[in-house]
Amino acid sequence: MSDHHKHPIKSKQLLHLVFGGELERLDSADFRDPTKLDIVGVFPNYASAHAAWQSKAQATVDNALMRYFIVHLHRFMDPA
Protein backbone atom coordinates (compact mmCIF):
# COMPACT_ATOMS: atom_id res chain seq x y z
CA MET A 1 0.00 0.00 0.00
CA SER A 2 1.38 3.39 -0.95
CA ASP A 3 1.69 6.28 1.50
CA HIS A 4 -1.15 8.00 -0.34
CA HIS A 5 -3.60 5.29 0.74
CA LYS A 6 -2.34 5.22 4.32
CA HIS A 7 -2.71 8.97 4.81
CA PRO A 8 -5.52 10.37 2.67
CA ILE A 9 -5.22 14.06 1.83
CA LYS A 10 -7.57 15.99 4.03
CA SER A 11 -8.90 19.45 3.42
CA LYS A 12 -7.51 22.34 5.40
CA GLN A 13 -9.24 22.87 8.73
CA LEU A 14 -11.06 26.21 8.79
CA LEU A 15 -12.42 26.74 12.30
CA HIS A 16 -15.61 28.75 12.80
CA LEU A 17 -17.26 29.90 16.05
CA VAL A 18 -21.05 30.13 16.32
CA PHE A 19 -22.49 32.23 19.13
CA GLY A 20 -25.42 34.48 19.84
CA GLY A 21 -27.33 36.49 22.34
CA GLU A 22 -29.97 39.11 22.84
CA LEU A 23 -29.15 42.50 21.36
CA GLU A 24 -29.83 45.82 23.09
CA ARG A 25 -31.55 47.17 19.95
CA LEU A 26 -32.36 45.89 16.47
CA ASP A 27 -29.99 48.39 14.85
CA SER A 28 -27.04 47.44 17.07
CA ALA A 29 -24.58 44.59 17.48
CA ASP A 30 -24.26 45.31 21.22
CA PHE A 31 -25.50 42.51 23.44
CA ARG A 32 -27.90 43.18 26.29
CA ASP A 33 -25.88 40.97 28.66
CA PRO A 34 -22.58 39.63 27.28
CA THR A 35 -22.27 37.27 30.27
CA LYS A 36 -25.29 35.37 28.94
CA LEU A 37 -24.02 34.72 25.40
CA ASP A 38 -24.94 31.35 23.95
CA ILE A 39 -21.67 29.80 22.76
CA VAL A 40 -22.96 27.17 20.34
CA GLY A 41 -19.52 25.79 19.52
CA VAL A 42 -16.49 25.69 17.27
CA PHE A 43 -16.90 23.89 13.95
CA PRO A 44 -14.29 22.52 11.51
CA ASN A 45 -15.74 24.18 8.40
CA TYR A 46 -18.21 26.81 7.26
CA ALA A 47 -20.87 24.31 6.18
CA SER A 48 -21.20 22.76 9.64
CA ALA A 49 -21.06 26.19 11.30
CA HIS A 50 -23.78 27.48 8.99
CA ALA A 51 -26.00 24.48 9.79
CA ALA A 52 -25.60 25.15 13.55
CA TRP A 53 -26.22 28.88 13.05
CA GLN A 54 -29.35 28.21 11.00
CA SER A 55 -30.72 25.80 13.59
CA LYS A 56 -30.25 28.33 16.42
CA ALA A 57 -31.60 31.23 14.36
CA GLN A 58 -34.75 29.28 13.47
CA ALA A 59 -35.24 28.14 17.07
CA THR A 60 -35.18 31.75 18.31
CA VAL A 61 -37.12 33.37 15.46
CA ASP A 62 -39.87 34.56 17.86
CA ASN A 63 -37.39 36.85 19.67
CA ALA A 64 -36.52 39.68 17.27
CA LEU A 65 -33.58 40.78 19.45
CA MET A 66 -31.93 37.34 19.51
CA ARG A 67 -29.10 37.09 16.96
CA TYR A 68 -26.54 34.43 16.14
CA PHE A 69 -23.24 35.01 14.38
CA ILE A 70 -20.53 32.99 12.65
CA VAL A 71 -16.95 34.09 13.32
CA HIS A 72 -14.24 32.87 10.94
CA LEU A 73 -11.64 31.89 13.56
CA HIS A 74 -9.23 30.64 10.91
CA ARG A 75 -8.79 34.24 9.70
CA PHE A 76 -7.51 35.27 13.14
CA MET A 77 -5.31 32.21 13.53
CA ASP A 78 -3.60 32.48 10.11
CA PRO A 79 -3.55 36.13 8.98
CA ALA A 80 -1.82 35.20 5.72
PDB file of N, CA and C in Angstrom:
ATOM      1  N   MET A   1       0.844  -1.190   0.000  1.00  0.00           N
ATOM      2  CA  MET A   1       0.000   0.000   0.000  1.00  0.00           C
ATOM      3  C   MET A   1       0.883   1.244   0.000  1.00  0.00           C
ATOM      4  N   SER A   2       0.575   2.179  -0.874  1.00  0.00           N
ATOM      5  CA  SER A   2       1.380   3.393  -0.950  1.00  0.00           C
ATOM      6  C   SER A   2       1.044   4.328   0.206  1.00  0.00           C
ATOM      7  N   ASP A   3       1.925   5.293   0.442  1.00  0.00           N
ATOM      8  CA  ASP A   3       1.687   6.278   1.500  1.00  0.00           C
ATOM      9  C   ASP A   3       0.398   7.058   1.256  1.00  0.00           C
ATOM     10  N   HIS A   4       0.057   7.251  -0.016  1.00  0.00           N
ATOM     11  CA  HIS A   4      -1.152   8.004  -0.343  1.00  0.00           C
ATOM     12  C   HIS A   4      -2.394   7.334   0.247  1.00  0.00           C
ATOM     13  N   HIS A   5      -2.444   6.005   0.218  1.00  0.00           N
ATOM     14  CA  HIS A   5      -3.603   5.293   0.739  1.00  0.00           C
ATOM     15  C   HIS A   5      -3.600   5.223   2.267  1.00  0.00           C
ATOM     16  N   LYS A   6      -2.436   5.260   2.865  1.00  0.00           N
ATOM     17  CA  LYS A   6      -2.344   5.219   4.323  1.00  0.00           C
ATOM     18  C   LYS A   6      -2.762   6.541   4.939  1.00  0.00           C
ATOM     19  N   HIS A   7      -2.438   7.630   4.282  1.00  0.00           N
ATOM     20  CA  HIS A   7      -2.711   8.966   4.806  1.00  0.00           C
ATOM     21  C   HIS A   7      -3.456   9.777   3.754  1.00  0.00           C
ATOM     22  N   PRO A   8      -4.780   9.630   3.690  1.00  0.00           N
ATOM     23  CA  PRO A   8      -5.516  10.374   2.671  1.00  0.00           C
ATOM     24  C   PRO A   8      -5.355  11.878   2.874  1.00  0.00           C
ATOM     25  N   ILE A   9      -5.340  12.600   1.774  1.00  0.00           N
ATOM     26  CA  ILE A   9      -5.219  14.056   1.835  1.00  0.00           C
ATOM     27  C   ILE A   9      -6.508  14.605   2.425  1.00  0.00           C
ATOM     28  N   LYS A  10      -6.367  15.419   3.439  1.00  0.00           N
ATOM     29  CA  LYS A  10      -7.568  15.987   4.034  1.00  0.00           C
ATOM     30  C   LYS A  10      -7.582  17.487   3.802  1.00  0.00           C
ATOM     31  N   SER A  11      -8.783  18.018   3.691  1.00  0.00           N
ATOM     32  CA  SER A  11      -8.896  19.450   3.417  1.00  0.00           C
ATOM     33  C   SER A  11      -8.434  20.245   4.633  1.00  0.00           C
ATOM     34  N   LYS A  12      -8.008  21.469   4.350  1.00  0.00           N
ATOM     35  CA  LYS A  12      -7.507  22.345   5.397  1.00  0.00           C
ATOM     36  C   LYS A  12      -8.621  22.641   6.400  1.00  0.00           C
ATOM     37  N   GLN A  13      -8.282  22.587   7.662  1.00  0.00           N
ATOM     38  CA  GLN A  13      -9.241  22.868   8.730  1.00  0.00           C
ATOM     39  C   GLN A  13      -9.457  24.379   8.840  1.00  0.00           C
ATOM     40  N   LEU A  14     -10.711  24.792   8.709  1.00  0.00           N
ATOM     41  CA  LEU A  14     -11.060  26.208   8.791  1.00  0.00           C
ATOM     42  C   LEU A  14     -12.061  26.379   9.932  1.00  0.00           C
ATOM     43  N   LEU A  15     -11.555  26.672  11.119  1.00  0.00           N
ATOM     44  CA  LEU A  15     -12.417  26.736  12.300  1.00  0.00           C
ATOM     45  C   LEU A  15     -13.347  27.945  12.270  1.00  0.00           C
ATOM     46  N   HIS A  16     -14.580  27.709  12.716  1.00  0.00           N
ATOM     47  CA  HIS A  16     -15.611  28.752  12.804  1.00  0.00           C
ATOM     48  C   HIS A  16     -16.301  28.655  14.158  1.00  0.00           C
ATOM     49  N   LEU A  17     -16.551  29.803  14.770  1.00  0.00           N
ATOM     50  CA  LEU A  17     -17.262  29.896  16.045  1.00  0.00           C
ATOM     51  C   LEU A  17     -18.682  30.369  15.782  1.00  0.00           C
ATOM     52  N   VAL A  18     -19.653  29.694  16.409  1.00  0.00           N
ATOM     53  CA  VAL A  18     -21.046  30.129  16.320  1.00  0.00           C
ATOM     54  C   VAL A  18     -21.489  30.527  17.728  1.00  0.00           C
ATOM     55  N   PHE A  19     -22.006  31.752  17.840  1.00  0.00           N
ATOM     56  CA  PHE A  19     -22.491  32.231  19.135  1.00  0.00           C
ATOM     57  C   PHE A  19     -23.610  33.233  18.901  1.00  0.00           C
ATOM     58  N   GLY A  20     -24.334  33.513  19.964  1.00  0.00           N
ATOM     59  CA  GLY A  20     -25.418  34.477  19.843  1.00  0.00           C
ATOM     60  C   GLY A  20     -25.853  34.993  21.187  1.00  0.00           C
ATOM     61  N   GLY A  21     -26.794  35.910  21.124  1.00  0.00           N
ATOM     62  CA  GLY A  21     -27.334  36.488  22.339  1.00  0.00           C
ATOM     63  C   GLY A  21     -28.370  37.538  22.000  1.00  0.00           C
ATOM     64  N   GLU A  22     -28.945  38.101  23.025  1.00  0.00           N
ATOM     65  CA  GLU A  22     -29.974  39.107  22.841  1.00  0.00           C
ATOM     66  C   GLU A  22     -29.337  40.488  22.693  1.00  0.00           C
ATOM     67  N   LEU A  23     -29.688  41.176  21.623  1.00  0.00           N
ATOM     68  CA  LEU A  23     -29.148  42.503  21.358  1.00  0.00           C
ATOM     69  C   LEU A  23     -29.876  43.567  22.168  1.00  0.00           C
ATOM     70  N   GLU A  24     -29.196  44.692  22.408  1.00  0.00           N
ATOM     71  CA  GLU A  24     -29.829  45.821  23.088  1.00  0.00           C
ATOM     72  C   GLU A  24     -30.917  46.445  22.215  1.00  0.00           C
ATOM     73  N   ARG A  25     -30.609  46.566  20.908  1.00  0.00           N
ATOM     74  CA  ARG A  25     -31.546  47.171  19.948  1.00  0.00           C
ATOM     75  C   ARG A  25     -31.396  46.449  18.610  1.00  0.00           C
ATOM     76  N   LEU A  26     -32.411  46.536  17.784  1.00  0.00           N
ATOM     77  CA  LEU A  26     -32.365  45.890  16.471  1.00  0.00           C
ATOM     78  C   LEU A  26     -31.287  46.458  15.563  1.00  0.00           C
ATOM     79  N   ASP A  27     -30.964  47.736  15.728  1.00  0.00           N
ATOM     80  CA  ASP A  27     -29.986  48.388  14.848  1.00  0.00           C
ATOM     81  C   ASP A  27     -28.582  48.400  15.448  1.00  0.00           C
ATOM     82  N   SER A  28     -28.323  47.475  16.365  1.00  0.00           N
ATOM     83  CA  SER A  28     -27.044  47.444  17.074  1.00  0.00           C
ATOM     84  C   SER A  28     -26.497  46.021  17.102  1.00  0.00           C
ATOM     85  N   ALA A  29     -25.193  45.899  17.261  1.00  0.00           N
ATOM     86  CA  ALA A  29     -24.583  44.585  17.478  1.00  0.00           C
ATOM     87  C   ALA A  29     -24.100  44.470  18.918  1.00  0.00           C
ATOM     88  N   ASP A  30     -24.603  45.358  19.802  1.00  0.00           N
ATOM     89  CA  ASP A  30     -24.259  45.308  21.221  1.00  0.00           C
ATOM     90  C   ASP A  30     -25.231  44.370  21.938  1.00  0.00           C
ATOM     91  N   PHE A  31     -24.662  43.477  22.729  1.00  0.00           N
ATOM     92  CA  PHE A  31     -25.497  42.506  23.440  1.00  0.00           C
ATOM     93  C   PHE A  31     -26.033  43.088  24.745  1.00  0.00           C
ATOM     94  N   ARG A  32     -27.247  42.727  25.070  1.00  0.00           N
ATOM     95  CA  ARG A  32     -27.901  43.183  26.294  1.00  0.00           C
ATOM     96  C   ARG A  32     -27.101  42.747  27.517  1.00  0.00           C
ATOM     97  N   ASP A  33     -26.671  41.491  27.536  1.00  0.00           N
ATOM     98  CA  ASP A  33     -25.881  40.967  28.659  1.00  0.00           C
ATOM     99  C   ASP A  33     -24.830  39.997  28.121  1.00  0.00           C
ATOM    100  N   PRO A  34     -23.624  40.485  27.856  1.00  0.00           N
ATOM    101  CA  PRO A  34     -22.575  39.628  27.283  1.00  0.00           C
ATOM    102  C   PRO A  34     -22.237  38.403  28.136  1.00  0.00           C
ATOM    103  N   THR A  35     -22.556  38.441  29.428  1.00  0.00           N
ATOM    104  CA  THR A  35     -22.270  37.269  30.273  1.00  0.00           C
ATOM    105  C   THR A  35     -23.239  36.124  29.990  1.00  0.00           C
ATOM    106  N   LYS A  36     -24.297  36.404  29.238  1.00  0.00           N
ATOM    107  CA  LYS A  36     -25.288  35.369  28.938  1.00  0.00           C
ATOM    108  C   LYS A  36     -25.263  34.945  27.473  1.00  0.00           C
ATOM    109  N   LEU A  37     -24.127  35.142  26.799  1.00  0.00           N
ATOM    110  CA  LEU A  37     -24.019  34.720  25.402  1.00  0.00           C
ATOM    111  C   LEU A  37     -24.158  33.209  25.296  1.00  0.00           C
ATOM    112  N   ASP A  38     -24.786  32.772  24.242  1.00  0.00           N
ATOM    113  CA  ASP A  38     -24.944  31.351  23.950  1.00  0.00           C
ATOM    114  C   ASP A  38     -23.805  30.954  23.011  1.00  0.00           C
ATOM    115  N   ILE A  39     -22.800  30.271  23.564  1.00  0.00           N
ATOM    116  CA  ILE A  39     -21.672  29.796  22.761  1.00  0.00           C
ATOM    117  C   ILE A  39     -22.084  28.432  22.209  1.00  0.00           C
ATOM    118  N   VAL A  40     -22.465  28.406  20.956  1.00  0.00           N
ATOM    119  CA  VAL A  40     -22.962  27.174  20.337  1.00  0.00           C
ATOM    120  C   VAL A  40     -21.820  26.185  20.149  1.00  0.00           C
ATOM    121  N   GLY A  41     -20.666  26.673  19.673  1.00  0.00           N
ATOM    122  CA  GLY A  41     -19.521  25.792  19.523  1.00  0.00           C
ATOM    123  C   GLY A  41     -18.569  26.237  18.434  1.00  0.00           C
ATOM    124  N   VAL A  42     -17.498  25.468  18.298  1.00  0.00           N
ATOM    125  CA  VAL A  42     -16.490  25.689  17.269  1.00  0.00           C
ATOM    126  C   VAL A  42     -16.630  24.534  16.281  1.00  0.00           C
ATOM    127  N   PHE A  43     -16.644  24.873  14.993  1.00  0.00           N
ATOM    128  CA  PHE A  43     -16.898  23.891  13.953  1.00  0.00           C
ATOM    129  C   PHE A  43     -15.739  23.856  12.967  1.00  0.00           C
ATOM    130  N   PRO A  44     -15.481  22.691  12.355  1.00  0.00           N
ATOM    131  CA  PRO A  44     -14.293  22.521  11.515  1.00  0.00           C
ATOM    132  C   PRO A  44     -14.392  23.127  10.123  1.00  0.00           C
ATOM    133  N   ASN A  45     -15.577  23.592   9.729  1.00  0.00           N
ATOM    134  CA  ASN A  45     -15.736  24.182   8.402  1.00  0.00           C
ATOM    135  C   ASN A  45     -16.974  25.067   8.387  1.00  0.00           C
ATOM    136  N   TYR A  46     -17.093  25.861   7.335  1.00  0.00           N
ATOM    137  CA  TYR A  46     -18.207  26.808   7.256  1.00  0.00           C
ATOM    138  C   TYR A  46     -19.550  26.094   7.142  1.00  0.00           C
ATOM    139  N   ALA A  47     -19.595  25.011   6.391  1.00  0.00           N
ATOM    140  CA  ALA A  47     -20.867  24.306   6.180  1.00  0.00           C
ATOM    141  C   ALA A  47     -21.472  23.832   7.503  1.00  0.00           C
ATOM    142  N   SER A  48     -20.666  23.244   8.366  1.00  0.00           N
ATOM    143  CA  SER A  48     -21.199  22.761   9.644  1.00  0.00           C
ATOM    144  C   SER A  48     -21.533  23.924  10.574  1.00  0.00           C
ATOM    145  N   ALA A  49     -20.757  24.999  10.502  1.00  0.00           N
ATOM    146  CA  ALA A  49     -21.057  26.187  11.305  1.00  0.00           C
ATOM    147  C   ALA A  49     -22.367  26.818  10.841  1.00  0.00           C
ATOM    148  N   HIS A  50     -22.561  26.895   9.536  1.00  0.00           N
ATOM    149  CA  HIS A  50     -23.784  27.479   8.994  1.00  0.00           C
ATOM    150  C   HIS A  50     -25.004  26.658   9.404  1.00  0.00           C
ATOM    151  N   ALA A  51     -24.882  25.351   9.388  1.00  0.00           N
ATOM    152  CA  ALA A  51     -25.996  24.484   9.794  1.00  0.00           C
ATOM    153  C   ALA A  51     -26.358  24.736  11.261  1.00  0.00           C
ATOM    154  N   ALA A  52     -25.349  24.873  12.125  1.00  0.00           N
ATOM    155  CA  ALA A  52     -25.597  25.147  13.547  1.00  0.00           C
ATOM    156  C   ALA A  52     -26.218  26.531  13.722  1.00  0.00           C
ATOM    157  N   TRP A  53     -25.689  27.517  12.996  1.00  0.00           N
ATOM    158  CA  TRP A  53     -26.224  28.880  13.049  1.00  0.00           C
ATOM    159  C   TRP A  53     -27.691  28.895  12.620  1.00  0.00           C
ATOM    160  N   GLN A  54     -27.992  28.229  11.532  1.00  0.00           N
ATOM    161  CA  GLN A  54     -29.350  28.211  11.003  1.00  0.00           C
ATOM    162  C   GLN A  54     -30.316  27.560  11.984  1.00  0.00           C
ATOM    163  N   SER A  55     -29.888  26.487  12.608  1.00  0.00           N
ATOM    164  CA  SER A  55     -30.723  25.804  13.591  1.00  0.00           C
ATOM    165  C   SER A  55     -31.057  26.717  14.767  1.00  0.00           C
ATOM    166  N   LYS A  56     -30.040  27.414  15.291  1.00  0.00           N
ATOM    167  CA  LYS A  56     -30.249  28.331  16.423  1.00  0.00           C
ATOM    168  C   LYS A  56     -31.100  29.524  16.017  1.00  0.00           C
ATOM    169  N   ALA A  57     -30.844  30.076  14.832  1.00  0.00           N
ATOM    170  CA  ALA A  57     -31.604  31.233  14.357  1.00  0.00           C
ATOM    171  C   ALA A  57     -33.075  30.874  14.195  1.00  0.00           C
ATOM    172  N   GLN A  58     -33.365  29.704  13.654  1.00  0.00           N
ATOM    173  CA  GLN A  58     -34.745  29.280  13.470  1.00  0.00           C
ATOM    174  C   GLN A  58     -35.427  29.003  14.807  1.00  0.00           C
ATOM    175  N   ALA A  59     -34.669  28.475  15.764  1.00  0.00           N
ATOM    176  CA  ALA A  59     -35.236  28.144  17.069  1.00  0.00           C
ATOM    177  C   ALA A  59     -35.580  29.392  17.880  1.00  0.00           C
ATOM    178  N   THR A  60     -34.957  30.517  17.544  1.00  0.00           N
ATOM    179  CA  THR A  60     -35.177  31.752  18.313  1.00  0.00           C
ATOM    180  C   THR A  60     -35.876  32.825  17.481  1.00  0.00           C
ATOM    181  N   VAL A  61     -36.518  32.425  16.401  1.00  0.00           N
ATOM    182  CA  VAL A  61     -37.124  33.372  15.461  1.00  0.00           C
ATOM    183  C   VAL A  61     -38.196  34.247  16.126  1.00  0.00           C
ATOM    184  N   ASP A  62     -38.816  33.785  17.184  1.00  0.00           N
ATOM    185  CA  ASP A  62     -39.865  34.556  17.863  1.00  0.00           C
ATOM    186  C   ASP A  62     -39.308  35.739  18.655  1.00  0.00           C
ATOM    187  N   ASN A  63     -38.002  35.744  18.933  1.00  0.00           N
ATOM    188  CA  ASN A  63     -37.386  36.848  19.674  1.00  0.00           C
ATOM    189  C   ASN A  63     -36.585  37.695  18.678  1.00  0.00           C
ATOM    190  N   ALA A  64     -37.151  38.835  18.290  1.00  0.00           N
ATOM    191  CA  ALA A  64     -36.516  39.682  17.269  1.00  0.00           C
ATOM    192  C   ALA A  64     -35.136  40.186  17.680  1.00  0.00           C
ATOM    193  N   LEU A  65     -34.874  40.266  18.977  1.00  0.00           N
ATOM    194  CA  LEU A  65     -33.580  40.775  19.450  1.00  0.00           C
ATOM    195  C   LEU A  65     -32.505  39.697  19.556  1.00  0.00           C
ATOM    196  N   MET A  66     -32.898  38.439  19.405  1.00  0.00           N
ATOM    197  CA  MET A  66     -31.928  37.341  19.511  1.00  0.00           C
ATOM    198  C   MET A  66     -31.217  37.174  18.179  1.00  0.00           C
ATOM    199  N   ARG A  67     -29.885  37.226  18.191  1.00  0.00           N
ATOM    200  CA  ARG A  67     -29.104  37.089  16.958  1.00  0.00           C
ATOM    201  C   ARG A  67     -27.951  36.121  17.173  1.00  0.00           C
ATOM    202  N   TYR A  68     -27.678  35.347  16.139  1.00  0.00           N
ATOM    203  CA  TYR A  68     -26.538  34.429  16.136  1.00  0.00           C
ATOM    204  C   TYR A  68     -25.571  34.845  15.034  1.00  0.00           C
ATOM    205  N   PHE A  69     -24.305  34.592  15.287  1.00  0.00           N
ATOM    206  CA  PHE A  69     -23.242  35.012  14.385  1.00  0.00           C
ATOM    207  C   PHE A  69     -22.279  33.856  14.129  1.00  0.00           C
ATOM    208  N   ILE A  70     -21.619  33.927  12.974  1.00  0.00           N
ATOM    209  CA  ILE A  70     -20.533  32.991  12.649  1.00  0.00           C
ATOM    210  C   ILE A  70     -19.252  33.810  12.570  1.00  0.00           C
ATOM    211  N   VAL A  71     -18.252  33.417  13.340  1.00  0.00           N
ATOM    212  CA  VAL A  71     -16.945  34.087  13.324  1.00  0.00           C
ATOM    213  C   VAL A  71     -15.950  33.148  12.651  1.00  0.00           C
ATOM    214  N   HIS A  72     -15.241  33.663  11.667  1.00  0.00           N
ATOM    215  CA  HIS A  72     -14.241  32.873  10.940  1.00  0.00           C
ATOM    216  C   HIS A  72     -12.940  32.863  11.752  1.00  0.00           C
ATOM    217  N   LEU A  73     -12.834  31.946  12.688  1.00  0.00           N
ATOM    218  CA  LEU A  73     -11.643  31.892  13.563  1.00  0.00           C
ATOM    219  C   LEU A  73     -10.370  31.693  12.777  1.00  0.00           C
ATOM    220  N   HIS A  74     -10.436  30.935  11.694  1.00  0.00           N
ATOM    221  CA  HIS A  74      -9.230  30.644  10.906  1.00  0.00           C
ATOM    222  C   HIS A  74      -8.583  31.927  10.381  1.00  0.00           C
ATOM    223  N   ARG A  75      -9.354  32.975  10.188  1.00  0.00           N
ATOM    224  CA  ARG A  75      -8.789  34.243   9.705  1.00  0.00           C
ATOM    225  C   ARG A  75      -7.950  34.929  10.780  1.00  0.00           C
ATOM    226  N   PHE A  76      -8.284  34.699  12.047  1.00  0.00           N
ATOM    227  CA  PHE A  76      -7.513  35.268  13.137  1.00  0.00           C
ATOM    228  C   PHE A  76      -6.292  34.428  13.464  1.00  0.00           C
ATOM    229  N   MET A  77      -6.390  33.123  13.187  1.00  0.00           N
ATOM    230  CA  MET A  77      -5.307  32.209  13.529  1.00  0.00           C
ATOM    231  C   MET A  77      -4.208  32.198  12.463  1.00  0.00           C
ATOM    232  N   ASP A  78      -4.567  32.504  11.215  1.00  0.00           N
ATOM    233  CA  ASP A  78      -3.605  32.484  10.109  1.00  0.00           C
ATOM    234  C   ASP A  78      -3.839  33.732   9.256  1.00  0.00           C
ATOM    235  N   PRO A  79      -3.282  34.880   9.674  1.00  0.00           N
ATOM    236  CA  PRO A  79      -3.554  36.126   8.983  1.00  0.00           C
ATOM    237  C   PRO A  79      -3.134  36.139   7.520  1.00  0.00           C
ATOM    238  N   ALA A  80      -2.249  35.254   7.120  1.00  0.00           N
ATOM    239  CA  ALA A  80      -1.818  35.197   5.717  1.00  0.00           C
ATOM    240  C   ALA A  80      -2.961  34.669   4.904  1.00  0.00           C
TER     241      ALA A  80
END
